[in-house]
Amino acid sequence: MNVLVVEDEPLIRLGLAAAIEDAGYGAVEAAHADEALARLAAGQFAVMVTDVDMPGSMNGIRLAHRVRATWPAVQILVISGKVGVAPGELPSGVQFLSKPVEEARLIRVVDALSGKGNSV
């Protein structure tokens, strides 16, 4: 089962991907929304983990809306160290965590979103 990790900071992206791989998932990395959309179009993903603040014209919240509309089966986790989200700002069913994200919490949420775990 593959997880798409969308994060513009290379060290953070690497850490998230490593934690996800250590939990037994495949992790595919993308540095921004356009790269994430290309990877989604080319592959199968159960979950997408995305940062909010990214370079380019599309932030993680807009990316979450686009992914929900185009690939409704992909479950989404949005993370941010700078931005909170207002009620109703994210698509239905999208989870949000503040950075820094503890590895155990990240994996519990990914497990729940992927159907491997029981609850978030």
PDB file of N, CA and C in Angstrom:
ATOM      1  N   MET A   1       0.845  -1.166   0.000  1.00  0.00           N
ATOM      2  CA  MET A   1       0.000   0.000   0.000  1.00  0.00           C
ATOM      3  C   MET A   1       0.898   1.239   0.000  1.00  0.00           C
ATOM      4  N   ASN A   2       0.640   2.168  -0.920  1.00  0.00           N
ATOM      5  CA  ASN A   2       1.493   3.346  -1.070  1.00  0.00           C
ATOM      6  C   ASN A   2       0.895   4.594  -0.449  1.00  0.00           C
ATOM      7  N   VAL A   3       1.794   5.409   0.120  1.00  0.00           N
ATOM      8  CA  VAL A   3       1.442   6.697   0.695  1.00  0.00           C
ATOM      9  C   VAL A   3       2.241   7.762  -0.045  1.00  0.00           C
ATOM     10  N   LEU A   4       1.558   8.802  -0.506  1.00  0.00           N
ATOM     11  CA  LEU A   4       2.214   9.932  -1.161  1.00  0.00           C
ATOM     12  C   LEU A   4       2.503  10.984  -0.102  1.00  0.00           C
ATOM     13  N   VAL A   5       3.768  11.393  -0.009  1.00  0.00           N
ATOM     14  CA  VAL A   5       4.206  12.392   0.966  1.00  0.00           C
ATOM     15  C   VAL A   5       4.554  13.668   0.204  1.00  0.00           C
ATOM     16  N   VAL A   6       3.781  14.737   0.453  1.00  0.00           N
ATOM     17  CA  VAL A   6       3.964  16.004  -0.255  1.00  0.00           C
ATOM     18  C   VAL A   6       4.456  17.042   0.748  1.00  0.00           C
ATOM     19  N   GLU A   7       5.714  17.427   0.607  1.00  0.00           N
ATOM     20  CA  GLU A   7       6.360  18.352   1.550  1.00  0.00           C
ATOM     21  C   GLU A   7       7.519  19.021   0.828  1.00  0.00           C
ATOM     22  N   ASP A   8       7.588  20.353   0.887  1.00  0.00           N
ATOM     23  CA  ASP A   8       8.640  21.067   0.158  1.00  0.00           C
ATOM     24  C   ASP A   8       9.973  21.086   0.888  1.00  0.00           C
ATOM     25  N   GLU A   9       9.990  20.865   2.195  1.00  0.00           N
ATOM     26  CA  GLU A   9      11.248  20.836   2.940  1.00  0.00           C
ATOM     27  C   GLU A   9      11.844  19.428   2.849  1.00  0.00           C
ATOM     28  N   PRO A  10      12.995  19.277   2.183  1.00  0.00           N
ATOM     29  CA  PRO A  10      13.548  17.939   1.930  1.00  0.00           C
ATOM     30  C   PRO A  10      13.772  17.089   3.183  1.00  0.00           C
ATOM     31  N   LEU A  11      14.302  17.665   4.245  1.00  0.00           N
ATOM     32  CA  LEU A  11      14.581  16.865   5.442  1.00  0.00           C
ATOM     33  C   LEU A  11      13.286  16.409   6.121  1.00  0.00           C
ATOM     34  N   ILE A  12      12.291  17.269   6.141  1.00  0.00           N
ATOM     35  CA  ILE A  12      11.002  16.883   6.727  1.00  0.00           C
ATOM     36  C   ILE A  12      10.355  15.801   5.866  1.00  0.00           C
ATOM     37  N   ARG A  13      10.397  15.997   4.539  1.00  0.00           N
ATOM     38  CA  ARG A  13       9.819  15.002   3.621  1.00  0.00           C
ATOM     39  C   ARG A  13      10.500  13.657   3.802  1.00  0.00           C
ATOM     40  N   LEU A  14      11.807  13.654   3.888  1.00  0.00           N
ATOM     41  CA  LEU A  14      12.573  12.419   4.084  1.00  0.00           C
ATOM     42  C   LEU A  14      12.192  11.744   5.398  1.00  0.00           C
ATOM     43  N   GLY A  15      12.055  12.528   6.470  1.00  0.00           N
ATOM     44  CA  GLY A  15      11.682  11.963   7.768  1.00  0.00           C
ATOM     45  C   GLY A  15      10.291  11.352   7.758  1.00  0.00           C
ATOM     46  N   LEU A  16       9.338  12.051   7.137  1.00  0.00           N
ATOM     47  CA  LEU A  16       7.976  11.516   7.038  1.00  0.00           C
ATOM     48  C   LEU A  16       7.969  10.221   6.227  1.00  0.00           C
ATOM     49  N   ALA A  17       8.660  10.242   5.086  1.00  0.00           N
ATOM     50  CA  ALA A  17       8.700   9.053   4.223  1.00  0.00           C
ATOM     51  C   ALA A  17       9.368   7.877   4.936  1.00  0.00           C
ATOM     52  N   ALA A  18      10.448   8.141   5.663  1.00  0.00           N
ATOM     53  CA  ALA A  18      11.146   7.066   6.378  1.00  0.00           C
ATOM     54  C   ALA A  18      10.247   6.458   7.451  1.00  0.00           C
ATOM     55  N   ALA A  19       9.516   7.291   8.186  1.00  0.00           N
ATOM     56  CA  ALA A  19       8.615   6.782   9.222  1.00  0.00           C
ATOM     57  C   ALA A  19       7.513   5.929   8.603  1.00  0.00           C
ATOM     58  N   ILE A  20       6.989   6.386   7.484  1.00  0.00           N
ATOM     59  CA  ILE A  20       5.923   5.649   6.798  1.00  0.00           C
ATOM     60  C   ILE A  20       6.445   4.313   6.271  1.00  0.00           C
ATOM     61  N   GLU A  21       7.649   4.313   5.700  1.00  0.00           N
ATOM     62  CA  GLU A  21       8.248   3.066   5.216  1.00  0.00           C
ATOM     63  C   GLU A  21       8.548   2.114   6.364  1.00  0.00           C
ATOM     64  N   ASP A  22       9.035   2.657   7.491  1.00  0.00           N
ATOM     65  CA  ASP A  22       9.319   1.820   8.661  1.00  0.00           C
ATOM     66  C   ASP A  22       8.060   1.132   9.177  1.00  0.00           C
ATOM     67  N   ALA A  23       6.904   1.744   8.923  1.00  0.00           N
ATOM     68  CA  ALA A  23       5.624   1.164   9.352  1.00  0.00           C
ATOM     69  C   ALA A  23       5.087   0.149   8.346  1.00  0.00           C
ATOM     70  N   GLY A  24       5.829  -0.085   7.270  1.00  0.00           N
ATOM     71  CA  GLY A  24       5.442  -1.125   6.322  1.00  0.00           C
ATOM     72  C   GLY A  24       4.731  -0.648   5.069  1.00  0.00           C
ATOM     73  N   TYR A  25       4.648   0.651   4.870  1.00  0.00           N
ATOM     74  CA  TYR A  25       4.026   1.198   3.667  1.00  0.00           C
ATOM     75  C   TYR A  25       5.088   1.552   2.636  1.00  0.00           C
ATOM     76  N   GLY A  26       4.675   1.663   1.400  1.00  0.00           N
ATOM     77  CA  GLY A  26       5.529   2.263   0.391  1.00  0.00           C
ATOM     78  C   GLY A  26       5.346   3.765   0.475  1.00  0.00           C
ATOM     79  N   ALA A  27       6.413   4.520   0.376  1.00  0.00           N
ATOM     80  CA  ALA A  27       6.319   5.978   0.430  1.00  0.00           C
ATOM     81  C   ALA A  27       6.876   6.556  -0.865  1.00  0.00           C
ATOM     82  N   VAL A  28       6.098   7.418  -1.491  1.00  0.00           N
ATOM     83  CA  VAL A  28       6.518   8.124  -2.698  1.00  0.00           C
ATOM     84  C   VAL A  28       6.506   9.600  -2.347  1.00  0.00           C
ATOM     85  N   GLU A  29       7.573  10.301  -2.713  1.00  0.00           N
ATOM     86  CA  GLU A  29       7.727  11.691  -2.314  1.00  0.00           C
ATOM     87  C   GLU A  29       7.415  12.655  -3.459  1.00  0.00           C
ATOM     88  N   ALA A  30       6.881  13.826  -3.078  1.00  0.00           N
ATOM     89  CA  ALA A  30       6.654  14.924  -4.010  1.00  0.00           C
ATOM     90  C   ALA A  30       6.988  16.216  -3.275  1.00  0.00           C
ATOM     91  N   ALA A  31       7.635  17.155  -3.982  1.00  0.00           N
ATOM     92  CA  ALA A  31       8.087  18.399  -3.353  1.00  0.00           C
ATOM     93  C   ALA A  31       7.058  19.515  -3.416  1.00  0.00           C
ATOM     94  N   HIS A  32       6.030  19.363  -4.249  1.00  0.00           N
ATOM     95  CA  HIS A  32       5.007  20.405  -4.378  1.00  0.00           C
ATOM     96  C   HIS A  32       3.757  19.807  -5.014  1.00  0.00           C
ATOM     97  N   ALA A  33       2.704  20.607  -5.085  1.00  0.00           N
ATOM     98  CA  ALA A  33       1.398  20.114  -5.537  1.00  0.00           C
ATOM     99  C   ALA A  33       1.422  19.601  -6.972  1.00  0.00           C
ATOM    100  N   ASP A  34       2.096  20.296  -7.873  1.00  0.00           N
ATOM    101  CA  ASP A  34       2.121  19.846  -9.266  1.00  0.00           C
ATOM    102  C   ASP A  34       2.770  18.467  -9.386  1.00  0.00           C
ATOM    103  N   GLU A  35       3.855  18.261  -8.655  1.00  0.00           N
ATOM    104  CA  GLU A  35       4.511  16.952  -8.660  1.00  0.00           C
ATOM    105  C   GLU A  35       3.592  15.894  -8.046  1.00  0.00           C
ATOM    106  N   ALA A  36       2.879  16.264  -6.989  1.00  0.00           N
ATOM    107  CA  ALA A  36       1.948  15.330  -6.354  1.00  0.00           C
ATOM    108  C   ALA A  36       0.841  14.919  -7.314  1.00  0.00           C
ATOM    109  N   LEU A  37       0.281  15.867  -8.052  1.00  0.00           N
ATOM    110  CA  LEU A  37      -0.785  15.551  -9.009  1.00  0.00           C
ATOM    111  C   LEU A  37      -0.283  14.618 -10.099  1.00  0.00           C
ATOM    112  N   ALA A  38       0.950  14.835 -10.559  1.00  0.00           N
ATOM    113  CA  ALA A  38       1.527  13.954 -11.583  1.00  0.00           C
ATOM    114  C   ALA A  38       1.717  12.545 -11.029  1.00  0.00           C
ATOM    115  N   ARG A  39       2.179  12.439  -9.797  1.00  0.00           N
ATOM    116  CA  ARG A  39       2.388  11.113  -9.190  1.00  0.00           C
ATOM    117  C   ARG A  39       1.049  10.410  -8.965  1.00  0.00           C
ATOM    118  N   LEU A  40       0.033  11.153  -8.532  1.00  0.00           N
ATOM    119  CA  LEU A  40      -1.294  10.565  -8.346  1.00  0.00           C
ATOM    120  C   LEU A  40      -1.865  10.057  -9.660  1.00  0.00           C
ATOM    121  N   ALA A  41      -1.657  10.790 -10.735  1.00  0.00           N
ATOM    122  CA  ALA A  41      -2.164  10.388 -12.045  1.00  0.00           C
ATOM    123  C   ALA A  41      -1.467   9.133 -12.557  1.00  0.00           C
ATOM    124  N   ALA A  42      -0.220   8.920 -12.111  1.00  0.00           N
ATOM    125  CA  ALA A  42       0.576   7.804 -12.622  1.00  0.00           C
ATOM    126  C   ALA A  42       0.548   6.567 -11.731  1.00  0.00           C
ATOM    127  N   GLY A  43      -0.002   6.670 -10.522  1.00  0.00           N
ATOM    128  CA  GLY A  43       0.101   5.534  -9.607  1.00  0.00           C
ATOM    129  C   GLY A  43      -1.122   5.350  -8.746  1.00  0.00           C
ATOM    130  N   GLN A  44      -1.042   4.333  -7.903  1.00  0.00           N
ATOM    131  CA  GLN A  44      -2.118   4.001  -6.966  1.00  0.00           C
ATOM    132  C   GLN A  44      -1.671   4.379  -5.558  1.00  0.00           C
ATOM    133  N   PHE A  45      -2.473   5.185  -4.885  1.00  0.00           N
ATOM    134  CA  PHE A  45      -2.155   5.595  -3.523  1.00  0.00           C
ATOM    135  C   PHE A  45      -3.375   5.431  -2.634  1.00  0.00           C
ATOM    136  N   ALA A  46      -3.150   4.904  -1.431  1.00  0.00           N
ATOM    137  CA  ALA A  46      -4.229   4.776  -0.458  1.00  0.00           C
ATOM    138  C   ALA A  46      -4.376   6.062   0.341  1.00  0.00           C
ATOM    139  N   VAL A  47      -3.233   6.706   0.620  1.00  0.00           N
ATOM    140  CA  VAL A  47      -3.205   7.874   1.496  1.00  0.00           C
ATOM    141  C   VAL A  47      -2.249   8.908   0.915  1.00  0.00           C
ATOM    142  N   MET A  48      -2.602  10.186   1.105  1.00  0.00           N
ATOM    143  CA  MET A  48      -1.698  11.288   0.800  1.00  0.00           C
ATOM    144  C   MET A  48      -1.509  12.102   2.073  1.00  0.00           C
ATOM    145  N   VAL A  49      -0.255  12.361   2.413  1.00  0.00           N
ATOM    146  CA  VAL A  49       0.094  13.242   3.523  1.00  0.00           C
ATOM    147  C   VAL A  49       0.673  14.498   2.899  1.00  0.00           C
ATOM    148  N   THR A  50       0.074  15.663   3.174  1.00  0.00           N
ATOM    149  CA  THR A  50       0.551  16.892   2.560  1.00  0.00           C
ATOM    150  C   THR A  50       0.703  18.014   3.562  1.00  0.00           C
ATOM    151  N   ASP A  51       1.746  18.790   3.373  1.00  0.00           N
ATOM    152  CA  ASP A  51       1.949  20.024   4.118  1.00  0.00           C
ATOM    153  C   ASP A  51       0.995  21.078   3.555  1.00  0.00           C
ATOM    154  N   VAL A  52       0.726  22.126   4.327  1.00  0.00           N
ATOM    155  CA  VAL A  52      -0.114  23.215   3.834  1.00  0.00           C
ATOM    156  C   VAL A  52       0.720  24.188   3.019  1.00  0.00           C
ATOM    157  N   ASP A  53       1.796  24.714   3.598  1.00  0.00           N
ATOM    158  CA  ASP A  53       2.614  25.727   2.922  1.00  0.00           C
ATOM    159  C   ASP A  53       3.584  25.080   1.956  1.00  0.00           C
ATOM    160  N   MET A  54       3.396  25.375   0.661  1.00  0.00           N
ATOM    161  CA  MET A  54       4.282  24.849  -0.374  1.00  0.00           C
ATOM    162  C   MET A  54       4.461  25.916  -1.446  1.00  0.00           C
ATOM    163  N   PRO A  55       5.559  25.850  -2.193  1.00  0.00           N
ATOM    164  CA  PRO A  55       5.739  26.802  -3.281  1.00  0.00           C
ATOM    165  C   PRO A  55       4.763  26.517  -4.422  1.00  0.00           C
ATOM    166  N   GLY A  56       4.532  27.514  -5.240  1.00  0.00           N
ATOM    167  CA  GLY A  56       3.656  27.338  -6.386  1.00  0.00           C
ATOM    168  C   GLY A  56       2.284  27.916  -6.120  1.00  0.00           C
ATOM    169  N   SER A  57       1.394  27.665  -7.035  1.00  0.00           N
ATOM    170  CA  SER A  57       0.070  28.280  -6.974  1.00  0.00           C
ATOM    171  C   SER A  57      -0.930  27.492  -6.124  1.00  0.00           C
ATOM    172  N   MET A  58      -0.552  26.305  -5.687  1.00  0.00           N
ATOM    173  CA  MET A  58      -1.500  25.467  -4.948  1.00  0.00           C
ATOM    174  C   MET A  58      -0.904  25.045  -3.611  1.00  0.00           C
ATOM    175  N   ASN A  59      -1.559  25.428  -2.517  1.00  0.00           N
ATOM    176  CA  ASN A  59      -1.103  24.978  -1.204  1.00  0.00           C
ATOM    177  C   ASN A  59      -1.736  23.613  -0.893  1.00  0.00           C
ATOM    178  N   GLY A  60      -1.430  23.091   0.284  1.00  0.00           N
ATOM    179  CA  GLY A  60      -1.923  21.768   0.647  1.00  0.00           C
ATOM    180  C   GLY A  60      -3.431  21.683   0.817  1.00  0.00           C
ATOM    181  N   ILE A  61      -4.056  22.776   1.217  1.00  0.00           N
ATOM    182  CA  ILE A  61      -5.513  22.772   1.364  1.00  0.00           C
ATOM    183  C   ILE A  61      -6.169  22.694  -0.011  1.00  0.00           C
ATOM    184  N   ARG A  62      -5.692  23.487  -0.952  1.00  0.00           N
ATOM    185  CA  ARG A  62      -6.230  23.415  -2.315  1.00  0.00           C
ATOM    186  C   ARG A  62      -5.933  22.051  -2.939  1.00  0.00           C
ATOM    187  N   LEU A  63      -4.738  21.513  -2.654  1.00  0.00           N
ATOM    188  CA  LEU A  63      -4.392  20.183  -3.158  1.00  0.00           C
ATOM    189  C   LEU A  63      -5.348  19.137  -2.599  1.00  0.00           C
ATOM    190  N   ALA A  64      -5.674  19.230  -1.315  1.00  0.00           N
ATOM    191  CA  ALA A  64      -6.605  18.282  -0.707  1.00  0.00           C
ATOM    192  C   ALA A  64      -7.961  18.320  -1.407  1.00  0.00           C
ATOM    193  N   HIS A  65      -8.439  19.510  -1.720  1.00  0.00           N
ATOM    194  CA  HIS A  65      -9.720  19.634  -2.435  1.00  0.00           C
ATOM    195  C   HIS A  65      -9.635  19.015  -3.830  1.00  0.00           C
ATOM    196  N   ARG A  66      -8.543  19.266  -4.537  1.00  0.00           N
ATOM    197  CA  ARG A  66      -8.371  18.723  -5.892  1.00  0.00           C
ATOM    198  C   ARG A  66      -8.304  17.203  -5.850  1.00  0.00           C
ATOM    199  N   VAL A  67      -7.538  16.662  -4.904  1.00  0.00           N
ATOM    200  CA  VAL A  67      -7.407  15.205  -4.794  1.00  0.00           C
ATOM    201  C   VAL A  67      -8.740  14.572  -4.430  1.00  0.00           C
ATOM    202  N   ARG A  68      -9.471  15.173  -3.507  1.00  0.00           N
ATOM    203  CA  ARG A  68     -10.778  14.626  -3.112  1.00  0.00           C
ATOM    204  C   ARG A  68     -11.721  14.591  -4.316  1.00  0.00           C
ATOM    205  N   ALA A  69     -11.686  15.633  -5.154  1.00  0.00           N
ATOM    206  CA  ALA A  69     -12.578  15.692  -6.324  1.00  0.00           C
ATOM    207  C   ALA A  69     -12.150  14.728  -7.425  1.00  0.00           C
ATOM    208  N   THR A  70     -10.848  14.544  -7.598  1.00  0.00           N
ATOM    209  CA  THR A  70     -10.334  13.742  -8.715  1.00  0.00           C
ATOM    210  C   THR A  70     -10.111  12.278  -8.342  1.00  0.00           C
ATOM    211  N   TRP A  71      -9.625  12.033  -7.143  1.00  0.00           N
ATOM    212  CA  TRP A  71      -9.338  10.677  -6.662  1.00  0.00           C
ATOM    213  C   TRP A  71     -10.021  10.490  -5.302  1.00  0.00           C
ATOM    214  N   PRO A  72     -11.334  10.350  -5.275  1.00  0.00           N
ATOM    215  CA  PRO A  72     -12.060  10.319  -3.993  1.00  0.00           C
ATOM    216  C   PRO A  72     -11.675   9.163  -3.076  1.00  0.00           C
ATOM    217  N   ALA A  73     -11.088   8.114  -3.601  1.00  0.00           N
ATOM    218  CA  ALA A  73     -10.699   6.978  -2.755  1.00  0.00           C
ATOM    219  C   ALA A  73      -9.421   7.247  -1.966  1.00  0.00           C
ATOM    220  N   VAL A  74      -8.635   8.237  -2.379  1.00  0.00           N
ATOM    221  CA  VAL A  74      -7.393   8.561  -1.668  1.00  0.00           C
ATOM    222  C   VAL A  74      -7.747   9.278  -0.370  1.00  0.00           C
ATOM    223  N   GLN A  75      -7.279   8.727   0.737  1.00  0.00           N
ATOM    224  CA  GLN A  75      -7.493   9.348   2.040  1.00  0.00           C
ATOM    225  C   GLN A  75      -6.398  10.390   2.264  1.00  0.00           C
ATOM    226  N   ILE A  76      -6.728  11.465   2.989  1.00  0.00           N
ATOM    227  CA  ILE A  76      -5.824  12.614   3.058  1.00  0.00           C
ATOM    228  C   ILE A  76      -5.558  13.030   4.500  1.00  0.00           C
ATOM    229  N   LEU A  77      -4.279  13.287   4.771  1.00  0.00           N
ATOM    230  CA  LEU A  77      -3.833  13.877   6.023  1.00  0.00           C
ATOM    231  C   LEU A  77      -3.105  15.170   5.682  1.00  0.00           C
ATOM    232  N   VAL A  78      -3.559  16.286   6.234  1.00  0.00           N
ATOM    233  CA  VAL A  78      -2.921  17.589   6.042  1.00  0.00           C
ATOM    234  C   VAL A  78      -2.164  17.922   7.317  1.00  0.00           C
ATOM    235  N   ILE A  79      -0.918  18.397   7.151  1.00  0.00           N
ATOM    236  CA  ILE A  79      -0.097  18.763   8.305  1.00  0.00           C
ATOM    237  C   ILE A  79       0.426  20.178   8.108  1.00  0.00           C
ATOM    238  N   SER A  80       0.668  20.877   9.224  1.00  0.00           N
ATOM    239  CA  SER A  80       1.237  22.217   9.131  1.00  0.00           C
ATOM    240  C   SER A  80       1.830  22.624  10.465  1.00  0.00           C
ATOM    241  N   GLY A  81       2.934  23.325  10.386  1.00  0.00           N
ATOM    242  CA  GLY A  81       3.553  23.890  11.571  1.00  0.00           C
ATOM    243  C   GLY A  81       3.244  25.359  11.722  1.00  0.00           C
ATOM    244  N   LYS A  82       2.674  25.975  10.704  1.00  0.00           N
ATOM    245  CA  LYS A  82       2.431  27.414  10.712  1.00  0.00           C
ATOM    246  C   LYS A  82       0.960  27.778  10.643  1.00  0.00           C
ATOM    247  N   VAL A  83       0.169  26.947  10.012  1.00  0.00           N
ATOM    248  CA  VAL A  83      -1.211  27.293   9.700  1.00  0.00           C
ATOM    249  C   VAL A  83      -2.158  26.325  10.384  1.00  0.00           C
ATOM    250  N   GLY A  84      -3.200  26.845  10.978  1.00  0.00           N
ATOM    251  CA  GLY A  84      -4.291  26.012  11.459  1.00  0.00           C
ATOM    252  C   GLY A  84      -5.358  26.000  10.378  1.00  0.00           C
ATOM    253  N   VAL A  85      -6.340  25.188  10.533  1.00  0.00           N
ATOM    254  CA  VAL A  85      -7.425  25.164   9.552  1.00  0.00           C
ATOM    255  C   VAL A  85      -8.733  25.492  10.256  1.00  0.00           C
ATOM    256  N   ALA A  86      -9.536  26.271   9.575  1.00  0.00           N
ATOM    257  CA  ALA A  86     -10.846  26.640  10.103  1.00  0.00           C
ATOM    258  C   ALA A  86     -11.832  25.510   9.835  1.00  0.00           C
ATOM    259  N   PRO A  87     -12.860  25.392  10.670  1.00  0.00           N
ATOM    260  CA  PRO A  87     -13.889  24.376  10.409  1.00  0.00           C
ATOM    261  C   PRO A  87     -14.457  24.549   8.996  1.00  0.00           C
ATOM    262  N   GLY A  88     -14.552  23.443   8.293  1.00  0.00           N
ATOM    263  CA  GLY A  88     -15.083  23.469   6.936  1.00  0.00           C
ATOM    264  C   GLY A  88     -14.078  23.834   5.862  1.00  0.00           C
ATOM    265  N   GLU A  89     -12.846  24.168   6.234  1.00  0.00           N
ATOM    266  CA  GLU A  89     -11.833  24.549   5.250  1.00  0.00           C
ATOM    267  C   GLU A  89     -11.302  23.346   4.475  1.00  0.00           C
ATOM    268  N   LEU A  90     -11.279  22.189   5.124  1.00  0.00           N
ATOM    269  CA  LEU A  90     -10.806  20.965   4.477  1.00  0.00           C
ATOM    270  C   LEU A  90     -11.997  20.159   3.956  1.00  0.00           C
ATOM    271  N   PRO A  91     -11.764  19.358   2.929  1.00  0.00           N
ATOM    272  CA  PRO A  91     -12.839  18.475   2.453  1.00  0.00           C
ATOM    273  C   PRO A  91     -13.258  17.492   3.545  1.00  0.00           C
ATOM    274  N   SER A  92     -14.436  16.988   3.424  1.00  0.00           N
ATOM    275  CA  SER A  92     -14.976  16.021   4.373  1.00  0.00           C
ATOM    276  C   SER A  92     -14.048  14.810   4.493  1.00  0.00           C
ATOM    277  N   GLY A  93     -13.804  14.387   5.732  1.00  0.00           N
ATOM    278  CA  GLY A  93     -13.013  13.193   5.979  1.00  0.00           C
ATOM    279  C   GLY A  93     -11.515  13.410   6.016  1.00  0.00           C
ATOM    280  N   VAL A  94     -11.052  14.615   5.714  1.00  0.00           N
ATOM    281  CA  VAL A  94      -9.619  14.904   5.734  1.00  0.00           C
ATOM    282  C   VAL A  94      -9.185  15.168   7.170  1.00  0.00           C
ATOM    283  N   GLN A  95      -8.076  14.549   7.569  1.00  0.00           N
ATOM    284  CA  GLN A  95      -7.521  14.715   8.910  1.00  0.00           C
ATOM    285  C   GLN A  95      -6.488  15.836   8.906  1.00  0.00           C
ATOM    286  N   PHE A  96      -6.282  16.464  10.074  1.00  0.00           N
ATOM    287  CA  PHE A  96      -5.284  17.526  10.211  1.00  0.00           C
ATOM    288  C   PHE A  96      -4.447  17.274  11.459  1.00  0.00           C
ATOM    289  N   LEU A  97      -3.131  17.434  11.326  1.00  0.00           N
ATOM    290  CA  LEU A  97      -2.205  17.368  12.459  1.00  0.00           C
ATOM    291  C   LEU A  97      -1.266  18.563  12.399  1.00  0.00           C
ATOM    292  N   SER A  98      -0.922  19.100  13.571  1.00  0.00           N
ATOM    293  CA  SER A  98       0.050  20.183  13.658  1.00  0.00           C
ATOM    294  C   SER A  98       1.456  19.607  13.727  1.00  0.00           C
ATOM    295  N   LYS A  99       2.406  20.292  13.085  1.00  0.00           N
ATOM    296  CA  LYS A  99       3.814  19.916  13.184  1.00  0.00           C
ATOM    297  C   LYS A  99       4.386  20.546  14.444  1.00  0.00           C
ATOM    298  N   PRO A 100       5.396  19.953  15.007  1.00  0.00           N
ATOM    299  CA  PRO A 100       5.991  18.701  14.567  1.00  0.00           C
ATOM    300  C   PRO A 100       5.069  17.522  14.886  1.00  0.00           C
ATOM    301  N   VAL A 101       5.030  16.587  13.972  1.00  0.00           N
ATOM    302  CA  VAL A 101       4.181  15.416  14.114  1.00  0.00           C
ATOM    303  C   VAL A 101       5.004  14.291  14.733  1.00  0.00           C
ATOM    304  N   GLU A 102       4.536  13.783  15.869  1.00  0.00           N
ATOM    305  CA  GLU A 102       5.212  12.640  16.469  1.00  0.00           C
ATOM    306  C   GLU A 102       5.037  11.437  15.546  1.00  0.00           C
ATOM    307  N   GLU A 103       6.095  10.671  15.361  1.00  0.00           N
ATOM    308  CA  GLU A 103       6.057   9.534  14.448  1.00  0.00           C
ATOM    309  C   GLU A 103       4.932   8.552  14.782  1.00  0.00           C
ATOM    310  N   ALA A 104       4.764   8.242  16.056  1.00  0.00           N
ATOM    311  CA  ALA A 104       3.719   7.286  16.450  1.00  0.00           C
ATOM    312  C   ALA A 104       2.331   7.816  16.084  1.00  0.00           C
ATOM    313  N   ARG A 105       2.095   9.108  16.283  1.00  0.00           N
ATOM    314  CA  ARG A 105       0.800   9.714  15.937  1.00  0.00           C
ATOM    315  C   ARG A 105       0.596   9.694  14.429  1.00  0.00           C
ATOM    316  N   LEU A 106       1.636  10.020  13.669  1.00  0.00           N
ATOM    317  CA  LEU A 106       1.566   9.980  12.210  1.00  0.00           C
ATOM    318  C   LEU A 106       1.143   8.600  11.743  1.00  0.00           C
ATOM    319  N   ILE A 107       1.783   7.572  12.273  1.00  0.00           N
ATOM    320  CA  ILE A 107       1.494   6.207  11.826  1.00  0.00           C
ATOM    321  C   ILE A 107       0.093   5.779  12.259  1.00  0.00           C
ATOM    322  N   ARG A 108      -0.344   6.173  13.450  1.00  0.00           N
ATOM    323  CA  ARG A 108      -1.718   5.844  13.868  1.00  0.00           C
ATOM    324  C   ARG A 108      -2.735   6.441  12.894  1.00  0.00           C
ATOM    325  N   VAL A 109      -2.514   7.682  12.475  1.00  0.00           N
ATOM    326  CA  VAL A 109      -3.450   8.324  11.550  1.00  0.00           C
ATOM    327  C   VAL A 109      -3.377   7.666  10.173  1.00  0.00           C
ATOM    328  N   VAL A 110      -2.175   7.398   9.675  1.00  0.00           N
ATOM    329  CA  VAL A 110      -2.035   6.730   8.378  1.00  0.00           C
ATOM    330  C   VAL A 110      -2.682   5.339   8.429  1.00  0.00           C
ATOM    331  N   ASP A 111      -2.455   4.607   9.522  1.00  0.00           N
ATOM    332  CA  ASP A 111      -3.096   3.296   9.684  1.00  0.00           C
ATOM    333  C   ASP A 111      -4.624   3.416   9.620  1.00  0.00           C
ATOM    334  N   ALA A 112      -5.162   4.380  10.333  1.00  0.00           N
ATOM    335  CA  ALA A 112      -6.618   4.564  10.354  1.00  0.00           C
ATOM    336  C   ALA A 112      -7.136   4.952   8.974  1.00  0.00           C
ATOM    337  N   LEU A 113      -6.454   5.857   8.307  1.00  0.00           N
ATOM    338  CA  LEU A 113      -6.895   6.297   6.984  1.00  0.00           C
ATOM    339  C   LEU A 113      -6.807   5.169   5.962  1.00  0.00           C
ATOM    340  N   SER A 114      -5.802   4.325   6.099  1.00  0.00           N
ATOM    341  CA  SER A 114      -5.610   3.245   5.130  1.00  0.00           C
ATOM    342  C   SER A 114      -6.521   2.039   5.405  1.00  0.00           C
ATOM    343  N   GLY A 115      -7.174   2.056   6.559  1.00  0.00           N
ATOM    344  CA  GLY A 115      -8.014   0.927   6.934  1.00  0.00           C
ATOM    345  C   GLY A 115      -7.272  -0.120   7.728  1.00  0.00           C
ATOM    346  N   LYS A 116      -5.979   0.088   7.962  1.00  0.00           N
ATOM    347  CA  LYS A 116      -5.178  -0.868   8.710  1.00  0.00           C
ATOM    348  C   LYS A 116      -5.449  -0.764  10.216  1.00  0.00           C
ATOM    349  N   GLY A 117      -5.768   0.460  10.674  1.00  0.00           N
ATOM    350  CA  GLY A 117      -6.068   0.679  12.083  1.00  0.00           C
ATOM    351  C   GLY A 117      -7.550   0.917  12.276  1.00  0.00           C
ATOM    352  N   ASN A 118      -7.954   1.026  13.530  1.00  0.00           N
ATOM    353  CA  ASN A 118      -9.374   1.169  13.826  1.00  0.00           C
ATOM    354  C   ASN A 118      -9.826   2.596  14.047  1.00  0.00           C
ATOM    355  N   SER A 119      -8.937   3.452  14.571  1.00  0.00           N
ATOM    356  CA  SER A 119      -9.381   4.808  14.883  1.00  0.00           C
ATOM    357  C   SER A 119      -8.238   5.787  14.759  1.00  0.00           C
ATOM    358  N   VAL A 120      -8.610   7.057  14.621  1.00  0.00           N
ATOM    359  CA  VAL A 120      -7.625   8.140  14.554  1.00  0.00           C
ATOM    360  C   VAL A 120      -7.485   8.652  15.927  1.00  0.00           C
TER     361      VAL A 120
END
